[in-house]
Amino acid sequence: MVVMSPADARSRILTNGELAWVYGPKRHELAEVRIDPDTREGDVLLRDIVGARPSEIVRVVKPDLDTRGRRPTALG
């Protein structure tokens, strides 16, 4: 789970309960978004995210579900 401020969630077009990619320095994974007005803008709280330490910088990104993830191949 990733907890963030309403302003940060709004800037990423994320809503409460939605899934978002959390990119850390070593790996990335999907996490549920929780919006908390008590969280300071620019800060995120992570829970059950493997590969992210408290002192590391992470990015929270909305998944792009509109484009297909595979590259085109010779078979189509």
N, C-alpha and C. Protein backbone atom coordinates (compact mmCIF):
# COMPACT_ATOMS: atom_id res chain seq x y z
N MET A 1 0.84 -1.16 0.00
CA MET A 1 0.00 0.00 0.00
C MET A 1 0.90 1.23 0.00
N VAL A 2 0.45 2.26 -0.70
CA VAL A 2 1.15 3.55 -0.72
C VAL A 2 0.15 4.61 -0.27
N VAL A 3 0.55 5.38 0.75
CA VAL A 3 -0.30 6.44 1.29
C VAL A 3 0.29 7.77 0.84
N MET A 4 -0.56 8.64 0.30
CA MET A 4 -0.08 9.92 -0.20
C MET A 4 -1.10 11.02 0.08
N SER A 5 -0.68 12.25 -0.08
CA SER A 5 -1.55 13.41 0.16
C SER A 5 -2.55 13.56 -0.99
N PRO A 6 -3.67 14.22 -0.74
CA PRO A 6 -4.65 14.44 -1.82
C PRO A 6 -4.06 15.22 -3.00
N ALA A 7 -3.19 16.18 -2.74
CA ALA A 7 -2.60 16.97 -3.83
C ALA A 7 -1.70 16.10 -4.71
N ASP A 8 -0.89 15.25 -4.09
CA ASP A 8 -0.02 14.36 -4.87
C ASP A 8 -0.84 13.36 -5.67
N ALA A 9 -1.88 12.82 -5.08
CA ALA A 9 -2.74 11.88 -5.80
C ALA A 9 -3.43 12.57 -6.97
N ARG A 10 -3.90 13.78 -6.75
CA ARG A 10 -4.59 14.52 -7.81
C ARG A 10 -3.65 14.82 -8.97
N SER A 11 -2.39 15.15 -8.68
CA SER A 11 -1.43 15.46 -9.75
C SER A 11 -1.08 14.21 -10.58
N ARG A 12 -1.29 13.03 -10.02
CA ARG A 12 -1.04 11.77 -10.74
C ARG A 12 -2.32 11.12 -11.24
N ILE A 13 -3.44 11.82 -11.06
CA ILE A 13 -4.76 11.34 -11.46
C ILE A 13 -5.06 9.99 -10.82
N LEU A 14 -4.76 9.86 -9.54
CA LEU A 14 -5.01 8.63 -8.79
C LEU A 14 -6.16 8.85 -7.81
N THR A 15 -6.94 7.80 -7.60
CA THR A 15 -8.04 7.86 -6.64
C THR A 15 -7.80 6.84 -5.54
N ASN A 16 -8.53 6.98 -4.47
CA ASN A 16 -8.42 6.09 -3.33
C ASN A 16 -8.80 4.66 -3.73
N GLY A 17 -7.95 3.70 -3.41
CA GLY A 17 -8.21 2.29 -3.74
C GLY A 17 -7.69 1.84 -5.09
N GLU A 18 -7.21 2.75 -5.90
CA GLU A 18 -6.69 2.42 -7.23
C GLU A 18 -5.29 1.82 -7.11
N LEU A 19 -4.88 1.05 -8.11
CA LEU A 19 -3.53 0.50 -8.15
C LEU A 19 -2.59 1.45 -8.87
N ALA A 20 -1.37 1.54 -8.37
CA ALA A 20 -0.35 2.38 -8.99
C ALA A 20 0.99 1.66 -8.93
N TRP A 21 1.85 1.95 -9.90
CA TRP A 21 3.21 1.41 -9.88
C TRP A 21 4.05 2.20 -8.89
N VAL A 22 4.78 1.50 -8.05
CA VAL A 22 5.74 2.14 -7.15
C VAL A 22 7.12 1.68 -7.62
N TYR A 23 7.91 2.64 -8.13
CA TYR A 23 9.24 2.35 -8.64
C TYR A 23 10.27 2.73 -7.58
N GLY A 24 11.03 1.75 -7.14
CA GLY A 24 12.13 1.97 -6.21
C GLY A 24 13.44 1.84 -6.96
N PRO A 25 14.56 1.98 -6.27
CA PRO A 25 15.86 1.88 -6.94
C PRO A 25 16.18 0.47 -7.43
N LYS A 26 15.59 -0.55 -6.83
CA LYS A 26 15.93 -1.92 -7.20
C LYS A 26 14.85 -2.65 -7.98
N ARG A 27 13.59 -2.30 -7.75
CA ARG A 27 12.49 -3.00 -8.40
C ARG A 27 11.24 -2.14 -8.38
N HIS A 28 10.19 -2.64 -9.00
CA HIS A 28 8.92 -1.93 -8.98
C HIS A 28 7.79 -2.95 -8.81
N GLU A 29 6.69 -2.49 -8.25
CA GLU A 29 5.53 -3.35 -8.08
C GLU A 29 4.27 -2.52 -7.93
N LEU A 30 3.14 -3.18 -8.14
CA LEU A 30 1.85 -2.51 -8.00
C LEU A 30 1.46 -2.43 -6.54
N ALA A 31 0.84 -1.31 -6.17
CA ALA A 31 0.38 -1.13 -4.79
C ALA A 31 -0.94 -0.37 -4.80
N GLU A 32 -1.73 -0.62 -3.78
CA GLU A 32 -3.00 0.07 -3.63
C GLU A 32 -2.74 1.48 -3.08
N VAL A 33 -3.46 2.46 -3.62
CA VAL A 33 -3.30 3.85 -3.21
C VAL A 33 -4.31 4.17 -2.11
N ARG A 34 -3.83 4.80 -1.06
CA ARG A 34 -4.68 5.34 0.00
C ARG A 34 -4.37 6.83 0.11
N ILE A 35 -5.41 7.63 0.10
CA ILE A 35 -5.25 9.07 0.19
C ILE A 35 -5.53 9.50 1.63
N ASP A 36 -4.55 10.20 2.21
CA ASP A 36 -4.66 10.63 3.60
C ASP A 36 -4.35 12.12 3.68
N PRO A 37 -5.31 12.93 4.10
CA PRO A 37 -5.06 14.38 4.18
C PRO A 37 -4.01 14.76 5.21
N ASP A 38 -3.66 13.88 6.14
CA ASP A 38 -2.64 14.18 7.14
C ASP A 38 -1.22 13.96 6.62
N THR A 39 -1.07 13.33 5.46
CA THR A 39 0.25 13.09 4.87
C THR A 39 0.73 14.39 4.21
N ARG A 40 1.98 14.75 4.48
CA ARG A 40 2.53 15.97 3.89
C ARG A 40 2.71 15.82 2.39
N GLU A 41 2.52 16.91 1.68
CA GLU A 41 2.70 16.91 0.23
C GLU A 41 4.16 16.60 -0.10
N GLY A 42 4.38 15.68 -1.01
CA GLY A 42 5.72 15.26 -1.40
C GLY A 42 6.21 14.02 -0.68
N ASP A 43 5.53 13.64 0.40
CA ASP A 43 5.88 12.44 1.15
C ASP A 43 4.94 11.30 0.79
N VAL A 44 5.44 10.08 0.83
CA VAL A 44 4.60 8.90 0.69
C VAL A 44 4.95 7.93 1.82
N LEU A 45 3.98 7.18 2.24
CA LEU A 45 4.19 6.13 3.22
C LEU A 45 3.99 4.81 2.51
N LEU A 46 4.94 3.90 2.66
CA LEU A 46 4.86 2.60 2.01
C LEU A 46 4.62 1.52 3.04
N ARG A 47 3.79 0.57 2.68
CA ARG A 47 3.54 -0.58 3.54
C ARG A 47 3.53 -1.82 2.68
N ASP A 48 4.29 -2.83 3.07
CA ASP A 48 4.39 -4.10 2.36
C ASP A 48 4.92 -3.94 0.94
N ILE A 49 5.85 -3.02 0.74
CA ILE A 49 6.51 -2.85 -0.55
C ILE A 49 7.93 -3.38 -0.39
N VAL A 50 8.22 -4.47 -1.06
CA VAL A 50 9.54 -5.08 -0.97
C VAL A 50 10.51 -4.31 -1.87
N GLY A 51 11.68 -4.07 -1.38
CA GLY A 51 12.71 -3.43 -2.20
C GLY A 51 12.80 -1.93 -2.04
N ALA A 52 12.04 -1.34 -1.11
CA ALA A 52 12.13 0.10 -0.88
C ALA A 52 12.44 0.34 0.60
N ARG A 53 13.46 1.12 0.85
CA ARG A 53 13.86 1.45 2.21
C ARG A 53 13.38 2.86 2.56
N PRO A 54 13.28 3.18 3.84
CA PRO A 54 12.75 4.50 4.23
C PRO A 54 13.53 5.68 3.68
N SER A 55 14.82 5.54 3.47
CA SER A 55 15.62 6.68 3.02
C SER A 55 15.70 6.79 1.50
N GLU A 56 15.09 5.89 0.76
CA GLU A 56 15.19 5.90 -0.70
C GLU A 56 14.06 6.70 -1.34
N ILE A 57 14.35 7.22 -2.50
CA ILE A 57 13.37 7.96 -3.28
C ILE A 57 12.61 6.97 -4.16
N VAL A 58 11.29 7.08 -4.15
CA VAL A 58 10.45 6.23 -5.00
C VAL A 58 9.59 7.12 -5.88
N ARG A 59 9.13 6.55 -6.99
CA ARG A 59 8.19 7.23 -7.87
C ARG A 59 6.88 6.46 -7.85
N VAL A 60 5.78 7.17 -7.84
CA VAL A 60 4.46 6.56 -7.90
C VAL A 60 3.83 6.99 -9.22
N VAL A 61 3.46 6.00 -10.04
CA VAL A 61 3.00 6.27 -11.40
C VAL A 61 1.70 5.51 -11.66
N LYS A 62 0.76 6.19 -12.29
CA LYS A 62 -0.49 5.55 -12.69
C LYS A 62 -0.20 4.59 -13.85
N PRO A 63 -0.73 3.36 -13.80
CA PRO A 63 -0.50 2.42 -14.90
C PRO A 63 -1.16 2.90 -16.19
N ASP A 64 -0.50 2.70 -17.30
CA ASP A 64 -1.06 3.04 -18.61
C ASP A 64 -1.74 1.80 -19.16
N LEU A 65 -3.05 1.74 -19.01
CA LEU A 65 -3.81 0.58 -19.46
C LEU A 65 -4.37 0.74 -20.86
N ASP A 66 -4.14 1.91 -21.47
CA ASP A 66 -4.68 2.16 -22.81
C ASP A 66 -3.77 1.67 -23.92
N THR A 67 -2.47 1.60 -23.67
CA THR A 67 -1.57 1.13 -24.72
C THR A 67 -1.15 -0.30 -24.42
N ARG A 68 -0.94 -1.02 -25.46
CA ARG A 68 -0.56 -2.42 -25.32
C ARG A 68 0.91 -2.51 -24.91
N GLY A 69 1.23 -3.40 -23.99
CA GLY A 69 2.57 -3.47 -23.44
C GLY A 69 3.59 -4.20 -24.28
N ARG A 70 3.16 -4.95 -25.27
CA ARG A 70 4.12 -5.73 -26.07
C ARG A 70 4.57 -4.95 -27.29
N ARG A 71 5.80 -5.23 -27.67
CA ARG A 71 6.31 -4.64 -28.92
C ARG A 71 5.79 -5.42 -30.10
N PRO A 72 5.56 -4.78 -31.24
CA PRO A 72 5.11 -5.51 -32.41
C PRO A 72 6.17 -6.50 -32.88
N THR A 73 5.73 -7.64 -33.34
CA THR A 73 6.63 -8.66 -33.85
C THR A 73 6.34 -8.91 -35.32
N ALA A 74 7.14 -9.73 -35.93
CA ALA A 74 6.94 -10.06 -37.35
C ALA A 74 5.63 -10.82 -37.55
N LEU A 75 5.14 -11.48 -36.50
CA LEU A 75 3.91 -12.25 -36.62
C LEU A 75 2.66 -11.39 -36.43
N GLY A 76 2.83 -10.16 -36.01
CA GLY A 76 1.66 -9.27 -35.87
C GLY A 76 1.28 -9.00 -34.54
